Amino acid sequence: MFHWLDTHIRPPNKILITTRHRDFKGDYPVEVGGMTEPQCNELVRKTGEALGIGASISSAFCKDAYGALQEEK
C-alpha cells in the first residue's frame, strides 16, 4: 500500500490516512488547514514551470489565484 501511495501521490499533493478500531468511541475533529499564500505561490510557480509558462507567471497572477481560493471559502 505504501509503495502504491508513494508512487502515485506526487508532491505537493498530500494524503490523510485514518483507521477505525472496534473500540472506537466517537468522532473527533481533525483540522486540515488550507494553503498559505506562500504555499499557493510556490505551487503556481512550479506548475507554471512544469508547463513551460513559468516566465508568464507574475506576482499579480499569484496574488489573484490566492484571492480566488479565499473567495471560495
N, C-alpha and C. Protein backbone atom coordinates (compact mmCIF):
# COMPACT_ATOMS: atom_id res chain seq x y z
N MET A 1 0.83 -1.18 0.00
CA MET A 1 0.00 0.00 0.00
C MET A 1 0.88 1.25 0.00
N PHE A 2 1.91 1.24 0.88
CA PHE A 2 2.79 2.41 0.93
C PHE A 2 3.46 2.65 -0.42
N HIS A 3 3.93 1.58 -1.05
CA HIS A 3 4.61 1.72 -2.34
C HIS A 3 3.68 2.36 -3.38
N TRP A 4 2.42 1.92 -3.45
CA TRP A 4 1.47 2.49 -4.40
C TRP A 4 1.25 3.97 -4.11
N LEU A 5 1.02 4.32 -2.83
CA LEU A 5 0.80 5.72 -2.47
C LEU A 5 2.03 6.56 -2.79
N ASP A 6 3.21 6.04 -2.45
CA ASP A 6 4.46 6.76 -2.68
C ASP A 6 4.69 6.96 -4.19
N THR A 7 4.28 6.02 -4.99
CA THR A 7 4.47 6.10 -6.44
C THR A 7 3.47 7.04 -7.11
N HIS A 8 2.22 7.03 -6.66
CA HIS A 8 1.16 7.73 -7.37
C HIS A 8 0.74 9.07 -6.79
N ILE A 9 1.08 9.36 -5.56
CA ILE A 9 0.74 10.66 -4.96
C ILE A 9 1.99 11.52 -5.02
N ARG A 10 1.96 12.54 -5.84
CA ARG A 10 3.13 13.38 -6.07
C ARG A 10 3.03 14.69 -5.29
N PRO A 11 4.16 15.18 -4.74
CA PRO A 11 4.16 16.48 -4.08
C PRO A 11 3.70 17.55 -5.07
N PRO A 12 2.97 18.53 -4.68
CA PRO A 12 2.66 18.91 -3.31
C PRO A 12 1.37 18.27 -2.79
N ASN A 13 0.81 17.29 -3.49
CA ASN A 13 -0.40 16.63 -3.00
C ASN A 13 -0.10 15.88 -1.71
N LYS A 14 -1.10 15.79 -0.88
CA LYS A 14 -0.96 15.12 0.41
C LYS A 14 -2.12 14.16 0.61
N ILE A 15 -1.92 13.18 1.47
CA ILE A 15 -2.99 12.24 1.80
C ILE A 15 -3.12 12.15 3.31
N LEU A 16 -4.30 11.85 3.76
CA LEU A 16 -4.59 11.68 5.18
C LEU A 16 -5.16 10.28 5.35
N ILE A 17 -4.47 9.45 6.12
CA ILE A 17 -4.90 8.07 6.33
C ILE A 17 -5.43 7.95 7.75
N THR A 18 -6.63 7.41 7.86
CA THR A 18 -7.22 7.21 9.19
C THR A 18 -7.59 5.75 9.34
N THR A 19 -7.77 5.33 10.58
CA THR A 19 -8.17 3.95 10.86
C THR A 19 -9.31 3.95 11.86
N ARG A 20 -10.04 2.87 11.90
CA ARG A 20 -11.09 2.68 12.89
C ARG A 20 -10.86 1.32 13.54
N HIS A 21 -11.04 1.28 14.83
CA HIS A 21 -10.90 0.05 15.59
C HIS A 21 -12.24 -0.29 16.24
N ARG A 22 -12.40 -1.53 16.68
CA ARG A 22 -13.66 -1.93 17.31
C ARG A 22 -13.96 -1.14 18.57
N ASP A 23 -12.92 -0.71 19.26
CA ASP A 23 -13.15 0.07 20.48
C ASP A 23 -13.32 1.55 20.19
N PHE A 24 -13.67 1.88 18.94
CA PHE A 24 -13.88 3.26 18.53
C PHE A 24 -15.05 3.85 19.31
N LYS A 25 -14.84 5.00 19.94
CA LYS A 25 -15.86 5.57 20.82
C LYS A 25 -16.53 6.82 20.27
N GLY A 26 -16.07 7.37 19.20
CA GLY A 26 -16.71 8.57 18.66
C GLY A 26 -15.80 9.31 17.70
N ASP A 27 -16.39 10.23 16.98
CA ASP A 27 -15.62 11.04 16.03
C ASP A 27 -15.00 12.23 16.74
N TYR A 28 -13.77 12.47 16.42
CA TYR A 28 -13.07 13.64 16.93
C TYR A 28 -12.66 14.48 15.73
N PRO A 29 -12.83 15.78 15.82
CA PRO A 29 -12.49 16.61 14.66
C PRO A 29 -10.99 16.60 14.38
N VAL A 30 -10.66 16.56 13.12
CA VAL A 30 -9.28 16.68 12.67
C VAL A 30 -9.22 17.90 11.78
N GLU A 31 -8.50 18.90 12.22
CA GLU A 31 -8.41 20.13 11.45
C GLU A 31 -7.36 19.97 10.35
N VAL A 32 -7.78 20.17 9.13
CA VAL A 32 -6.87 20.14 7.99
C VAL A 32 -6.88 21.55 7.42
N GLY A 33 -5.81 22.25 7.66
CA GLY A 33 -5.74 23.65 7.25
C GLY A 33 -5.58 23.83 5.76
N GLY A 34 -5.90 25.01 5.30
CA GLY A 34 -5.74 25.32 3.88
C GLY A 34 -4.33 25.76 3.57
N MET A 35 -4.13 26.14 2.35
CA MET A 35 -2.84 26.59 1.88
C MET A 35 -2.58 28.02 2.32
N THR A 36 -1.35 28.29 2.68
CA THR A 36 -0.97 29.67 2.96
C THR A 36 -0.64 30.35 1.63
N GLU A 37 -0.55 31.66 1.65
CA GLU A 37 -0.25 32.37 0.41
C GLU A 37 1.13 31.99 -0.15
N PRO A 38 2.18 31.87 0.67
CA PRO A 38 3.47 31.42 0.12
C PRO A 38 3.40 30.01 -0.49
N GLN A 39 2.64 29.10 0.13
CA GLN A 39 2.48 27.76 -0.44
C GLN A 39 1.76 27.82 -1.78
N CYS A 40 0.73 28.64 -1.87
CA CYS A 40 0.00 28.80 -3.12
C CYS A 40 0.92 29.36 -4.21
N ASN A 41 1.70 30.38 -3.86
CA ASN A 41 2.62 30.98 -4.83
C ASN A 41 3.62 29.95 -5.35
N GLU A 42 4.15 29.14 -4.45
CA GLU A 42 5.11 28.12 -4.84
C GLU A 42 4.46 27.10 -5.79
N LEU A 43 3.25 26.68 -5.46
CA LEU A 43 2.54 25.71 -6.30
C LEU A 43 2.27 26.29 -7.69
N VAL A 44 1.81 27.54 -7.76
CA VAL A 44 1.51 28.18 -9.04
C VAL A 44 2.78 28.30 -9.88
N ARG A 45 3.87 28.74 -9.24
CA ARG A 45 5.13 28.92 -9.98
C ARG A 45 5.70 27.59 -10.47
N LYS A 46 5.70 26.58 -9.61
CA LYS A 46 6.24 25.27 -10.01
C LYS A 46 5.39 24.64 -11.11
N THR A 47 4.07 24.80 -11.02
CA THR A 47 3.19 24.26 -12.05
C THR A 47 3.42 25.00 -13.37
N GLY A 48 3.58 26.32 -13.30
CA GLY A 48 3.86 27.10 -14.50
C GLY A 48 5.16 26.68 -15.16
N GLU A 49 6.19 26.43 -14.34
CA GLU A 49 7.48 25.98 -14.87
C GLU A 49 7.33 24.61 -15.52
N ALA A 50 6.60 23.71 -14.88
CA ALA A 50 6.40 22.37 -15.43
C ALA A 50 5.66 22.41 -16.77
N LEU A 51 4.79 23.40 -16.92
CA LEU A 51 4.02 23.54 -18.17
C LEU A 51 4.76 24.37 -19.21
N GLY A 52 5.93 24.90 -18.84
CA GLY A 52 6.70 25.71 -19.77
C GLY A 52 6.22 27.14 -19.90
N ILE A 53 5.43 27.62 -18.94
CA ILE A 53 4.93 29.00 -18.99
C ILE A 53 5.37 29.78 -17.76
N GLY A 54 6.44 29.33 -17.14
CA GLY A 54 6.93 29.96 -15.90
C GLY A 54 7.21 31.44 -16.06
N ALA A 55 7.72 31.84 -17.23
CA ALA A 55 8.04 33.25 -17.45
C ALA A 55 6.78 34.12 -17.48
N SER A 56 5.63 33.52 -17.73
CA SER A 56 4.37 34.27 -17.81
C SER A 56 3.70 34.45 -16.45
N ILE A 57 4.21 33.78 -15.43
CA ILE A 57 3.59 33.83 -14.11
C ILE A 57 4.14 35.04 -13.35
N SER A 58 3.28 36.01 -13.12
CA SER A 58 3.69 37.22 -12.39
C SER A 58 3.23 37.15 -10.94
N SER A 59 3.77 38.05 -10.14
CA SER A 59 3.34 38.15 -8.74
C SER A 59 1.86 38.50 -8.65
N ALA A 60 1.41 39.36 -9.57
CA ALA A 60 -0.01 39.75 -9.58
C ALA A 60 -0.90 38.54 -9.88
N PHE A 61 -0.45 37.67 -10.80
CA PHE A 61 -1.22 36.47 -11.11
C PHE A 61 -1.32 35.57 -9.89
N CYS A 62 -0.19 35.38 -9.19
CA CYS A 62 -0.19 34.55 -7.97
C CYS A 62 -1.14 35.13 -6.93
N LYS A 63 -1.11 36.44 -6.77
CA LYS A 63 -1.99 37.10 -5.80
C LYS A 63 -3.46 36.90 -6.18
N ASP A 64 -3.77 37.01 -7.47
CA ASP A 64 -5.13 36.79 -7.95
C ASP A 64 -5.58 35.35 -7.73
N ALA A 65 -4.67 34.39 -7.97
CA ALA A 65 -5.00 32.98 -7.78
C ALA A 65 -5.31 32.70 -6.32
N TYR A 66 -4.50 33.24 -5.42
CA TYR A 66 -4.74 33.03 -3.99
C TYR A 66 -6.04 33.71 -3.56
N GLY A 67 -6.28 34.89 -4.09
CA GLY A 67 -7.52 35.61 -3.77
C GLY A 67 -8.75 34.83 -4.20
N ALA A 68 -8.66 34.18 -5.36
CA ALA A 68 -9.78 33.37 -5.85
C ALA A 68 -10.04 32.18 -4.92
N LEU A 69 -8.97 31.58 -4.40
CA LEU A 69 -9.13 30.48 -3.45
C LEU A 69 -9.82 30.96 -2.17
N GLN A 70 -9.46 32.15 -1.72
CA GLN A 70 -10.05 32.68 -0.49
C GLN A 70 -11.52 32.99 -0.67
N GLU A 71 -11.92 33.44 -1.86
CA GLU A 71 -13.31 33.76 -2.12
C GLU A 71 -14.19 32.52 -2.12
N GLU A 72 -13.62 31.36 -2.46
CA GLU A 72 -14.38 30.12 -2.50
C GLU A 72 -14.75 29.62 -1.11
N LYS A 73 -14.05 30.07 -0.09
CA LYS A 73 -14.31 29.59 1.28
C LYS A 73 -15.60 30.06 1.82
